[in-house]
Amino acid sequence: MKLRVATFWKQRGWCCASFALSPLAAWGQAASPAEERLAALEAAAQAAQGAGDNAWMLVSTALVLMMTGPGLALFYGGLVRKKNVLGTMMQSFSMMALVSVLWALFGYSLAFSEGNAFTGGFRYLFLNGVGAEPNGDYAGTIPHQTFMLFQLMFAIITPALITGAVAERMKYSALLLFMSLWLVVVYLPMAHMVWGKGGLFNAFLGGRIPCFDFAGGTVVHITSGVSALVCAVYLGKRYGYPHEMIRPHSLVLSFIGACLLWVGWFGFNAGSALGASGLATSAFAATHFGAAAATIGWLIAEWRKMGKPSVLGGISGAVAGLVAITPASGFVKPMPALFIGFAAGVCCFYMVTAVKHRFGYDDSLDAFGIHGAGGTLGAILTGVFATREVNDGLKDASGNALPLGLVDGNFGQIINQFAGTLIAWILAAAGTFVILKVCDVLVGLRVHDQHEIEGLDLSLHGEEGYNLES
């Protein structure tokens, strides 16, 4: 009897419990659609962020390509004599085609797939695995293919910058061979060391020597500038230089090119934030202020020394400031950006006037004086002014933002910046010299004297930039 009574109340208890819990169960069922709506809202927000980031990055990619053609093509084309304008512009245009093909075949893989501290591997050969899904190692909110295309535009403009040092005297065939080898020997290893996962200088992805280079001070400007100097010395001076007056044939073209470079540089630097974020805005601001201050710095120095501020000086100063602020753009506040720009304007002015004339090398369009010197100055000053108040991406194990530059109390970063700069100089100088030797043996580097006198437009391409008879 006791057993039957206990069983009865046990059953009653379960019934009562079930009755008491039934409203909670009903509430849980009612909450399910709300949870689904919340999940859908979160997914929509993430999709909107991804779409916004991708839109900005595609615009930035186009802006960086615009820097090469028409920006650099016009800037360099106007600075040479009219008999060489087409040949000079063709050099920039050719890099847009040549480097793109090499990048798709193996360049992207050697720069950004995992390898060792000095070069990437073969995971992305022929762009295998580079599709619509984000690569979380580099940019988690944009398609991997967008990131690949953005980085391609950097690879295009870097060798194009070197052409300023060999203008008016290098064979077109030699140029194509040289740039192909240079991309493999110099650019791809440097890009991997600074930006690739596990690269020697990658501060954010396991580099042993953390070196800050937000958008290419070492990778783009130091490598191209130093290589330009080696090329200028190896090829020798242009026919008649410096005894004959060699002047730009159209500062109007160069002026337009410089303005396009200034605008395109916002994609170059702000785009390196890899998203439409506050960091992109900060880099945008630093880029603009750096260019403006450098323009003023160059013009003041030129005005004092030459007696007149020139248009060529103004646009050269702007480019010098854009170069110098590039590595620092995502790490510094606006006031340091003004200082970096002004210092670059003054420094690069004396590099292309006093230093070049003192040593007598014929850096035709001052690729070394602006990109080599400006890039070096900017890389070092990044170690001084980089601050976690602008970029808090470097964190300790507890998730706290680490100090970046000297202004944050991290003196050691200046040493790291010197190390990255030194390696870039050595790699660019040694690699370029070896490649020049190989190209000289295989195809010869320099055009015949008669072709140089006639001009590269007719002698190499059979065309003229200006047909005034028609």
Protein backbone atom coordinates (compact mmCIF):
# COMPACT_ATOMS: atom_id res chain seq x y z
CA MET A 1 0.00 0.00 0.00
CA LYS A 2 2.78 2.41 0.89
CA LEU A 3 4.46 1.65 -2.38
CA ARG A 4 1.30 2.43 -4.33
CA VAL A 5 0.77 5.73 -2.47
CA ALA A 6 4.40 6.76 -3.04
CA THR A 7 4.09 5.94 -6.69
CA PHE A 8 0.88 8.00 -6.89
CA TRP A 9 2.46 11.10 -5.36
CA LYS A 10 5.62 10.62 -7.42
CA GLN A 11 3.49 10.65 -10.52
CA ARG A 12 1.54 13.65 -9.22
CA GLY A 13 4.84 15.42 -8.51
CA TRP A 14 6.07 14.89 -12.04
CA CYS A 15 2.74 16.11 -13.35
CA CYS A 16 2.88 19.21 -11.18
CA ALA A 17 6.45 19.88 -12.19
CA SER A 18 5.54 19.48 -15.81
CA PHE A 19 2.59 21.81 -15.36
CA ALA A 20 4.74 24.38 -13.59
CA LEU A 21 7.45 24.25 -16.26
CA SER A 22 5.10 24.33 -19.19
CA PRO A 23 5.04 28.17 -19.37
CA LEU A 24 8.85 28.22 -19.40
CA ALA A 25 8.92 25.69 -22.18
CA ALA A 26 6.38 27.74 -24.09
CA TRP A 27 8.50 30.88 -23.49
CA GLY A 28 11.55 29.09 -24.82
CA GLN A 29 9.68 28.11 -27.95
CA ALA A 30 8.45 31.68 -28.34
CA ALA A 31 12.02 32.98 -28.01
CA SER A 32 13.31 30.79 -30.80
CA PRO A 33 12.14 33.10 -33.63
CA ALA A 34 13.66 36.07 -31.79
CA GLU A 35 16.97 34.25 -31.53
CA GLU A 36 16.77 33.43 -35.20
CA ARG A 37 16.08 37.07 -36.02
CA LEU A 38 19.01 38.14 -33.86
CA ALA A 39 21.32 35.68 -35.62
CA ALA A 40 20.04 36.89 -38.98
CA LEU A 41 20.65 40.49 -37.92
CA GLU A 42 24.23 39.69 -36.89
CA ALA A 43 24.83 37.90 -40.19
CA ALA A 44 23.43 40.88 -42.09
CA ALA A 45 25.67 43.27 -40.15
CA GLN A 46 28.72 41.16 -40.92
CA ALA A 47 27.73 40.98 -44.58
CA ALA A 48 27.29 44.76 -44.66
CA GLN A 49 30.72 45.27 -43.11
CA GLY A 50 32.26 42.85 -45.56
CA ALA A 51 30.56 44.58 -48.48
CA GLY A 52 31.70 48.01 -47.29
CA ASP A 53 35.26 46.86 -46.71
CA ASN A 54 35.37 45.12 -50.07
CA ALA A 55 34.02 48.19 -51.86
CA TRP A 56 36.69 50.40 -50.29
CA MET A 57 39.43 47.91 -51.10
CA LEU A 58 38.38 47.60 -54.74
CA VAL A 59 38.39 51.40 -55.03
CA SER A 60 41.82 51.49 -53.36
CA THR A 61 43.09 48.85 -55.77
CA ALA A 62 41.99 50.96 -58.72
CA LEU A 63 43.57 54.07 -57.16
CA VAL A 64 46.93 52.33 -56.77
CA LEU A 65 46.83 51.12 -60.37
CA MET A 66 46.06 54.71 -61.41
CA MET A 67 49.31 55.73 -59.74
CA THR A 68 51.29 53.77 -62.35
CA GLY A 69 49.14 54.55 -65.35
CA PRO A 70 48.42 57.39 -65.89
CA GLY A 71 50.06 58.92 -62.79
CA LEU A 72 53.69 57.79 -62.97
CA ALA A 73 53.61 57.51 -66.77
CA LEU A 74 52.66 61.19 -67.08
CA PHE A 75 54.97 62.30 -64.27
CA TYR A 76 58.02 60.58 -65.77
CA GLY A 77 56.95 61.20 -69.38
CA GLY A 78 56.87 64.95 -68.92
CA LEU A 79 60.31 65.03 -67.30
CA VAL A 80 62.19 63.55 -70.28
CA ARG A 81 62.90 65.11 -73.65
CA LYS A 82 60.09 64.93 -76.21
CA LYS A 83 61.99 62.36 -78.29
CA ASN A 84 61.70 59.91 -75.39
CA VAL A 85 58.21 60.59 -74.04
CA LEU A 86 56.53 57.52 -75.56
CA GLY A 87 59.37 55.18 -74.64
CA THR A 88 59.31 56.41 -71.04
CA MET A 89 55.53 56.11 -70.69
CA MET A 90 55.67 52.68 -72.33
CA GLN A 91 57.97 51.47 -69.57
CA SER A 92 55.37 52.20 -66.88
CA PHE A 93 52.57 50.77 -69.02
CA SER A 94 54.54 47.59 -69.67
CA MET A 95 54.91 46.93 -65.95
CA MET A 96 51.12 46.87 -65.67
CA ALA A 97 51.04 43.92 -68.07
CA LEU A 98 54.28 42.07 -67.32
CA VAL A 99 54.06 42.08 -63.53
CA SER A 100 50.37 41.11 -63.57
CA VAL A 101 51.11 37.91 -65.48
CA LEU A 102 54.08 36.97 -63.27
CA TRP A 103 52.05 37.75 -60.15
CA ALA A 104 49.26 35.41 -61.22
CA LEU A 105 51.64 32.60 -62.11
CA PHE A 106 53.87 32.58 -59.03
CA GLY A 107 54.49 36.06 -57.63
CA TYR A 108 51.61 36.21 -55.18
CA SER A 109 52.44 32.78 -53.82
CA LEU A 110 56.11 33.57 -53.23
CA ALA A 111 55.16 36.78 -51.43
CA PHE A 112 52.17 35.75 -49.31
CA SER A 113 51.93 32.00 -48.86
CA GLU A 114 53.59 30.47 -45.82
CA GLY A 115 57.23 29.54 -46.34
CA ASN A 116 60.19 30.59 -44.26
CA ALA A 117 61.39 33.91 -42.86
CA PHE A 118 62.71 35.08 -46.25
CA THR A 119 60.36 33.82 -48.93
CA GLY A 120 56.91 32.33 -49.31
CA GLY A 121 55.98 28.89 -50.57
CA PHE A 122 54.02 27.43 -53.47
CA ARG A 123 50.53 27.12 -51.96
CA TYR A 124 49.02 29.82 -54.19
CA LEU A 125 50.79 28.98 -57.46
CA PHE A 126 48.59 29.92 -60.44
CA LEU A 127 46.30 31.58 -57.84
CA ASN A 128 45.15 28.18 -56.65
CA GLY A 129 42.93 28.64 -53.59
CA VAL A 130 42.67 32.41 -54.03
CA GLY A 131 38.94 33.00 -54.27
CA ALA A 132 35.96 34.71 -52.67
CA GLU A 133 36.54 33.45 -49.12
CA PRO A 134 38.62 35.78 -46.89
CA ASN A 135 42.14 34.87 -45.83
CA GLY A 136 42.01 35.37 -42.09
CA ASP A 137 45.78 35.79 -41.81
CA TYR A 138 45.70 39.02 -43.80
CA ALA A 139 42.19 40.45 -44.13
CA GLY A 140 39.22 38.73 -42.54
CA THR A 141 36.42 40.81 -44.06
CA ILE A 142 37.31 40.95 -47.77
CA PRO A 143 37.68 38.21 -50.38
CA HIS A 144 41.14 36.71 -50.65
CA GLN A 145 41.11 37.63 -54.32
CA THR A 146 40.57 41.31 -53.46
CA PHE A 147 43.59 41.23 -51.16
CA MET A 148 45.64 39.57 -53.90
CA LEU A 149 44.67 42.24 -56.44
CA PHE A 150 45.44 45.07 -54.03
CA GLN A 151 48.92 43.70 -53.39
CA LEU A 152 49.44 43.23 -57.14
CA MET A 153 49.20 46.98 -57.69
CA PHE A 154 52.11 47.52 -55.30
CA ALA A 155 54.14 44.97 -57.22
CA ILE A 156 53.37 46.84 -60.46
CA ILE A 157 54.41 50.32 -59.40
CA THR A 158 57.61 49.34 -57.58
CA PRO A 159 59.68 48.28 -60.62
CA ALA A 160 58.07 51.09 -62.62
CA LEU A 161 59.65 53.57 -60.20
CA ILE A 162 63.12 52.26 -61.12
CA THR A 163 62.63 53.30 -64.75
CA GLY A 164 63.15 56.91 -63.72
CA ALA A 165 66.86 56.22 -63.20
CA VAL A 166 67.43 54.53 -66.57
CA ALA A 167 65.28 56.85 -68.67
CA GLU A 168 66.42 57.73 -72.19
CA ARG A 169 69.15 55.10 -72.50
CA MET A 170 68.09 51.50 -71.67
CA LYS A 171 66.98 48.91 -74.22
CA TYR A 172 63.35 47.89 -74.03
CA SER A 173 64.24 44.18 -74.23
CA ALA A 174 66.76 44.59 -71.43
CA LEU A 175 64.20 46.45 -69.34
CA LEU A 176 61.66 43.63 -69.60
CA LEU A 177 64.24 40.99 -68.68
CA PHE A 178 65.66 43.06 -65.85
CA MET A 179 62.26 43.80 -64.31
CA SER A 180 61.18 40.15 -64.49
CA LEU A 181 64.28 39.02 -62.64
CA TRP A 182 64.15 41.94 -60.23
CA LEU A 183 60.62 41.06 -59.20
CA VAL A 184 61.75 37.53 -58.27
CA VAL A 185 65.08 38.35 -56.66
CA VAL A 186 64.30 41.59 -54.82
CA TYR A 187 60.62 42.49 -54.57
CA LEU A 188 58.99 39.17 -53.71
CA PRO A 189 61.42 38.26 -50.88
CA MET A 190 61.17 41.76 -49.40
CA ALA A 191 57.37 41.74 -49.59
CA HIS A 192 57.28 38.39 -47.81
CA MET A 193 59.74 39.45 -45.13
CA VAL A 194 57.72 42.55 -44.25
CA TRP A 195 54.09 41.59 -44.98
CA GLY A 196 53.97 37.80 -45.41
CA LYS A 197 52.97 35.44 -42.60
CA GLY A 198 56.13 34.37 -40.77
CA GLY A 199 58.27 36.92 -42.61
CA LEU A 200 61.41 38.10 -40.86
CA PHE A 201 60.16 41.66 -40.27
CA ASN A 202 56.40 41.06 -39.95
CA ALA A 203 55.54 42.59 -36.59
CA PHE A 204 51.98 41.23 -36.59
CA LEU A 205 52.41 37.70 -37.98
CA GLY A 206 55.38 36.13 -36.24
CA GLY A 207 58.39 38.09 -37.49
CA ARG A 208 61.55 37.77 -35.44
CA ILE A 209 62.52 41.43 -35.99
CA PRO A 210 59.31 43.49 -35.87
CA CYS A 211 59.65 46.31 -38.38
CA PHE A 212 56.74 48.66 -39.02
CA ASP A 213 56.01 49.35 -42.68
CA PHE A 214 52.35 50.14 -43.14
CA ALA A 215 52.27 50.62 -46.91
CA GLY A 216 55.71 50.08 -48.42
CA GLY A 217 58.56 52.28 -47.19
CA THR A 218 61.02 49.40 -47.28
CA VAL A 219 59.20 47.08 -49.67
CA VAL A 220 58.44 49.68 -52.35
CA HIS A 221 60.46 52.85 -51.98
CA ILE A 222 63.79 51.77 -50.51
CA THR A 223 64.11 48.76 -52.81
CA SER A 224 63.18 50.73 -55.93
CA GLY A 225 65.23 53.80 -54.95
CA VAL A 226 68.42 51.91 -54.11
CA SER A 227 68.04 49.73 -57.19
CA ALA A 228 67.60 52.89 -59.26
CA LEU A 229 70.91 54.23 -57.97
CA VAL A 230 72.73 51.01 -58.85
CA CYS A 231 71.18 51.05 -62.32
CA ALA A 232 72.14 54.68 -62.92
CA VAL A 233 75.76 54.07 -61.93
CA TYR A 234 76.03 50.81 -63.88
CA LEU A 235 74.55 52.19 -67.12
CA GLY A 236 76.51 55.40 -66.97
CA LYS A 237 75.44 58.89 -67.89
CA ARG A 238 73.20 59.87 -70.76
CA TYR A 239 74.85 61.08 -73.93
CA GLY A 240 75.87 64.70 -73.35
CA TYR A 241 75.14 64.73 -69.60
CA PRO A 242 75.99 66.91 -67.68
CA HIS A 243 77.59 69.23 -70.24
CA GLU A 244 74.45 69.64 -72.33
CA MET A 245 71.30 71.13 -70.83
CA ILE A 246 68.70 68.36 -70.48
CA ARG A 247 65.33 69.80 -69.53
CA PRO A 248 61.83 68.35 -69.08
CA HIS A 249 59.87 68.72 -72.30
CA SER A 250 56.45 69.17 -70.63
CA LEU A 251 56.02 70.15 -67.01
CA VAL A 252 52.30 70.26 -67.73
CA LEU A 253 52.26 66.47 -68.16
CA SER A 254 54.37 66.03 -65.04
CA PHE A 255 52.09 68.35 -63.07
CA ILE A 256 49.03 66.30 -64.01
CA GLY A 257 50.89 63.09 -63.20
CA ALA A 258 51.91 64.39 -59.77
CA CYS A 259 48.31 65.32 -58.95
CA LEU A 260 47.16 61.85 -59.97
CA LEU A 261 49.86 60.35 -57.78
CA TRP A 262 48.72 62.43 -54.81
CA VAL A 263 45.11 61.29 -55.22
CA GLY A 264 46.08 57.68 -55.92
CA TRP A 265 48.28 57.59 -52.84
CA PHE A 266 45.17 57.63 -50.65
CA GLY A 267 44.43 54.15 -51.99
CA PHE A 268 48.07 53.22 -51.50
CA ASN A 269 48.19 54.18 -47.81
CA ALA A 270 44.61 54.29 -46.53
CA GLY A 271 43.85 51.13 -48.47
CA SER A 272 46.57 49.36 -46.52
CA ALA A 273 44.22 49.38 -43.53
CA LEU A 274 42.49 46.60 -45.50
CA GLY A 275 39.05 47.86 -44.56
CA ALA A 276 36.81 50.92 -44.32
CA SER A 277 37.85 51.66 -40.74
CA GLY A 278 39.05 54.44 -38.49
CA LEU A 279 42.60 53.31 -39.20
CA ALA A 280 42.00 53.97 -42.90
CA THR A 281 40.86 57.49 -42.04
CA SER A 282 43.95 58.06 -39.91
CA ALA A 283 46.23 56.87 -42.71
CA PHE A 284 44.34 59.06 -45.18
CA ALA A 285 44.89 62.12 -43.00
CA ALA A 286 48.58 61.38 -42.39
CA THR A 287 49.13 60.90 -46.13
CA HIS A 288 47.61 64.23 -47.04
CA PHE A 289 49.38 66.23 -44.34
CA GLY A 290 52.71 64.59 -45.12
CA ALA A 291 52.47 65.51 -48.81
CA ALA A 292 51.41 69.07 -48.05
CA ALA A 293 54.21 69.70 -45.55
CA ALA A 294 56.81 68.21 -47.88
CA THR A 295 55.72 70.49 -50.71
CA ILE A 296 56.25 73.51 -48.48
CA GLY A 297 59.57 72.17 -47.18
CA TRP A 298 60.97 71.61 -50.69
CA LEU A 299 59.80 75.00 -51.95
CA ILE A 300 61.34 76.84 -48.98
CA ALA A 301 64.68 75.08 -49.47
CA GLU A 302 64.60 75.72 -53.22
CA TRP A 303 63.55 79.34 -52.81
CA ARG A 304 66.44 80.00 -50.46
CA LYS A 305 69.04 78.25 -52.61
CA MET A 306 67.85 78.99 -56.15
CA GLY A 307 66.03 82.27 -55.63
CA LYS A 308 62.74 81.00 -57.09
CA PRO A 309 60.23 78.30 -56.14
CA SER A 310 59.61 76.13 -59.21
CA VAL A 311 56.67 74.02 -60.33
CA LEU A 312 59.04 71.05 -60.70
CA GLY A 313 60.18 71.62 -57.14
CA GLY A 314 56.64 71.74 -55.84
CA ILE A 315 55.52 68.49 -57.43
CA SER A 316 58.80 66.76 -56.54
CA GLY A 317 58.34 67.83 -52.94
CA ALA A 318 54.81 66.43 -52.85
CA VAL A 319 56.01 63.05 -54.10
CA ALA A 320 58.87 63.08 -51.57
CA GLY A 321 56.38 63.63 -48.76
CA LEU A 322 54.10 60.87 -50.01
CA VAL A 323 57.07 58.52 -50.11
CA ALA A 324 58.26 59.34 -46.61
CA ILE A 325 54.86 59.10 -44.94
CA THR A 326 54.08 55.74 -46.57
CA PRO A 327 55.64 53.44 -43.91
CA ALA A 328 54.34 55.63 -41.07
CA SER A 329 50.86 56.40 -42.38
CA GLY A 330 49.05 53.79 -40.33
CA PHE A 331 51.01 54.43 -37.14
CA VAL A 332 51.33 58.20 -36.61
CA LYS A 333 49.15 61.17 -35.70
CA PRO A 334 48.70 64.22 -37.98
CA MET A 335 51.32 66.42 -36.28
CA PRO A 336 54.15 63.88 -36.65
CA ALA A 337 52.97 63.39 -40.25
CA LEU A 338 53.54 67.10 -40.84
CA PHE A 339 57.03 66.82 -39.37
CA ILE A 340 57.92 63.73 -41.42
CA GLY A 341 56.68 65.39 -44.59
CA PHE A 342 58.52 68.65 -44.04
CA ALA A 343 61.76 66.83 -43.20
CA ALA A 344 61.41 64.73 -46.36
CA GLY A 345 60.86 67.78 -48.54
CA VAL A 346 64.04 69.46 -47.32
CA CYS A 347 66.12 66.26 -47.25
CA CYS A 348 65.13 65.09 -50.73
CA PHE A 349 65.72 68.54 -52.20
CA TYR A 350 69.35 68.42 -51.12
CA MET A 351 69.68 64.82 -52.27
CA VAL A 352 68.65 65.68 -55.85
CA THR A 353 70.64 68.90 -55.98
CA ALA A 354 73.74 68.86 -53.79
CA VAL A 355 74.37 65.12 -53.31
CA LYS A 356 73.69 64.05 -56.89
CA HIS A 357 75.92 66.75 -58.30
CA ARG A 358 78.62 66.04 -55.73
CA PHE A 359 78.93 62.38 -56.74
CA GLY A 360 78.07 62.89 -60.42
CA TYR A 361 75.71 59.96 -61.01
CA ASP A 362 72.97 60.41 -63.62
CA ASP A 363 69.76 59.48 -61.83
CA SER A 364 67.71 60.83 -64.71
CA LEU A 365 64.41 61.50 -62.93
CA ASP A 366 65.69 61.39 -59.33
CA ALA A 367 64.26 58.01 -58.41
CA PHE A 368 66.94 57.50 -55.77
CA GLY A 369 66.94 61.06 -54.47
CA ILE A 370 63.19 60.92 -53.81
CA HIS A 371 62.26 57.28 -53.28
CA GLY A 372 65.49 55.90 -51.86
CA ALA A 373 66.22 58.84 -49.57
CA GLY A 374 62.59 59.60 -48.72
CA GLY A 375 61.77 55.97 -48.05
CA THR A 376 64.78 55.59 -45.75
CA LEU A 377 63.93 58.72 -43.79
CA GLY A 378 60.30 57.68 -43.44
CA ALA A 379 61.17 54.17 -42.29
CA ILE A 380 63.45 55.44 -39.53
CA LEU A 381 61.04 58.14 -38.34
CA THR A 382 58.27 55.55 -38.16
CA GLY A 383 60.19 54.02 -35.28
CA VAL A 384 60.13 57.39 -33.53
CA PHE A 385 56.49 58.44 -33.96
CA ALA A 386 54.53 55.17 -34.21
CA THR A 387 51.96 55.01 -31.42
CA ARG A 388 49.39 52.54 -30.17
CA GLU A 389 46.93 55.43 -29.93
CA VAL A 390 46.67 55.18 -33.71
CA ASN A 391 47.29 51.47 -34.26
CA ASP A 392 46.59 49.04 -31.43
CA GLY A 393 46.97 45.92 -33.53
CA LEU A 394 50.09 44.70 -31.73
CA LYS A 395 49.03 43.09 -28.44
CA ASP A 396 50.51 41.00 -25.65
CA ALA A 397 49.20 37.62 -24.46
CA SER A 398 46.58 39.33 -22.29
CA GLY A 399 45.21 41.37 -25.19
CA ASN A 400 46.72 44.68 -24.13
CA ALA A 401 48.08 47.00 -26.82
CA LEU A 402 51.86 47.09 -26.82
CA PRO A 403 53.95 50.26 -27.15
CA LEU A 404 55.04 50.85 -30.73
CA GLY A 405 57.59 53.62 -31.21
CA LEU A 406 59.79 55.94 -29.20
CA VAL A 407 56.85 58.19 -28.34
CA ASP A 408 55.30 55.17 -26.59
CA GLY A 409 58.54 54.49 -24.74
CA ASN A 410 59.77 51.72 -27.04
CA PHE A 411 63.29 52.85 -28.00
CA GLY A 412 64.10 49.43 -29.41
CA GLN A 413 61.77 49.99 -32.33
CA ILE A 414 64.23 52.44 -33.84
CA ILE A 415 66.80 49.64 -33.91
CA ASN A 416 64.27 47.35 -35.60
CA GLN A 417 63.58 50.02 -38.20
CA PHE A 418 67.30 50.40 -38.90
CA ALA A 419 67.57 46.62 -39.31
CA GLY A 420 64.71 46.49 -41.81
CA THR A 421 66.11 49.46 -43.71
CA LEU A 422 69.62 47.97 -43.85
CA ILE A 423 68.38 44.62 -45.16
CA ALA A 424 66.31 46.40 -47.81
CA TRP A 425 69.36 48.39 -48.92
CA ILE A 426 71.60 45.32 -49.08
CA LEU A 427 69.10 43.12 -50.88
CA ALA A 428 68.24 45.82 -53.42
CA ALA A 429 71.84 46.82 -54.13
CA ALA A 430 73.31 43.32 -54.35
CA GLY A 431 70.37 41.81 -56.20
CA THR A 432 70.21 44.63 -58.72
CA PHE A 433 73.93 44.48 -59.48
CA VAL A 434 73.82 40.75 -60.16
CA ILE A 435 70.73 41.06 -62.35
CA LEU A 436 72.30 43.89 -64.36
CA LYS A 437 75.36 41.73 -65.00
CA VAL A 438 73.18 38.85 -66.21
CA CYS A 439 71.10 41.08 -68.48
CA ASP A 440 74.19 42.79 -69.86
CA VAL A 441 75.63 39.43 -70.88
CA LEU A 442 72.39 38.09 -72.34
CA VAL A 443 70.93 41.04 -74.27
CA GLY A 444 73.03 44.12 -73.48
CA LEU A 445 71.63 46.98 -71.46
CA ARG A 446 72.19 50.21 -73.28
CA VAL A 447 71.00 51.43 -76.67
CA HIS A 448 73.53 52.48 -79.31
CA ASP A 449 74.72 56.07 -79.19
CA GLN A 450 72.97 56.89 -82.45
CA HIS A 451 69.69 55.50 -81.17
CA GLU A 452 70.07 57.55 -78.00
CA ILE A 453 70.67 60.70 -80.02
CA GLU A 454 67.72 59.93 -82.26
CA GLY A 455 65.48 59.19 -79.28
CA LEU A 456 63.95 55.98 -77.96
CA ASP A 457 60.51 56.70 -79.41
CA LEU A 458 61.68 56.24 -82.98
CA SER A 459 64.63 53.90 -82.46
CA LEU A 460 62.83 51.37 -80.20
CA HIS A 461 59.14 51.82 -80.99
CA GLY A 462 59.02 53.44 -84.44
CA GLU A 463 56.68 56.19 -83.27
CA GLU A 464 56.71 59.81 -82.22
CA GLY A 465 54.89 61.33 -79.28
CA TYR A 466 54.02 64.53 -81.14
CA ASN A 467 53.30 64.61 -84.86
CA LEU A 468 53.16 68.34 -85.51
CA GLU A 469 52.87 67.98 -89.30
CA SER A 470 49.41 66.41 -89.33
